[in-house]
Amino acid sequence: MVTILDVTKPDAEKPETRRVRHPEKQKRPDTEVKRKPDWIRVKAPTSKGYQETRAIVKDNNLVTVCEEAGCPNIGECWDKKHATFMIMGEICTRACAFCNVITGMPNALDPNEPDNVARAVREMGLNHVVITSVDRDDLADGGAEHFEKVIWAIRAVSPQTTIEILTPDFLRKPGALERVVAAKPDVFNHNLETVPRLYPTIRPGARYFHSLRLLQRVKELDPTMFTKSGIMVGLGEERNEVLQLMDDLRTADVDFITIGQYLQPTRKHHEVISFVTPDEFKSYEKIAYTKGFLMVASSPLTRSSHHAGDDFARLKANREKKQLATA
């Protein structure tokens, strides 16, 4: 994976459309982009399946977090016709220090987007789909109604597809969470991203305990709904802080935790403090299972939606085993 330049791609016929992705970071000093260890290197995507998925995304005028966030697994996932759709545009109202999604004032919502997403899900023949979004602090409901419409549209054309959503925190958006949960996604994911000590520098627009409470509230509203959260490591967190975060998630009755290596998108983003070894990731996985998570994905290249369909099947199976054991 190459380091992504801190500019958007210009229209070939309109060079003036070239713009800085992160204007708020331009005055920050450059940080060193460390050389990646061998265990985290991936090949550039070139397969036929990748090209076919890319065409479907483009033809339906969709945005994917796979592209916008520079996911290192895009070649593998798109080759298998897996993609994470990012709704409500590609411009985010937040400016997290780790994220490569464009920051700025978003455009108006596309009323055709729910149907476009649903059409792409059907064309790709997805058994499981992940829907995420940018933060939309500019909207009164944070985009909750739009999430509803996307879920309903997918259910209408592809009722067999299970739906996983990865939502923003709906901070100061009363009633938003309740609307999304009522739309009955199969998995509700909201990422804590990092330990609470690092929130002021890594995720300054968010609040750790609000995000934790959001996940807990999902279970209160619908105890049968699977909940999921993910973090990045290598940002300067301490091991004991990661273990405490696991305990916090279990207190909120979260079923599934993902742990992956932070990779620095540009020199203006937060630097990688450390590359966590595969053995350390395996250790985190073992500990998380002992703490009671139904499902754990922990590896350098783990991302929230990586292998999401297969993981969902295992998540259901693990719940059934637990229920039988306690019956």
Foldseek 3Di string as FASTA:
>chain_A
DDFDDQWDDDDPVDPVRIDGQAPVLPPPDFADQDDDDPVPDDDDADDPQLVVLVVLCVVLVFDFCCPQQVARCSNVQSSLLATETAAPDQEACFDFQQGRGGYDQGDDHDPCVLLSLLVSCVVSVAQEYEYEYHACPVDLQRCLVVLLSNLVNNCVRPVNHAYEYEYELSPPRPPSLVSNLVSPHQEYEYALADFQVCCCRGPVVDHNVSSLVSLLVSCVNPVNHAYEYEYEPQLPDDPVRVLVVLVSNVVSVHAEYEYEHRGHNGSSGRYRNDQDDQVVQVVVQVSSVVSPHLYYHTGHSDDPCVCVVVRVVSSVVSVVVVVVVVD
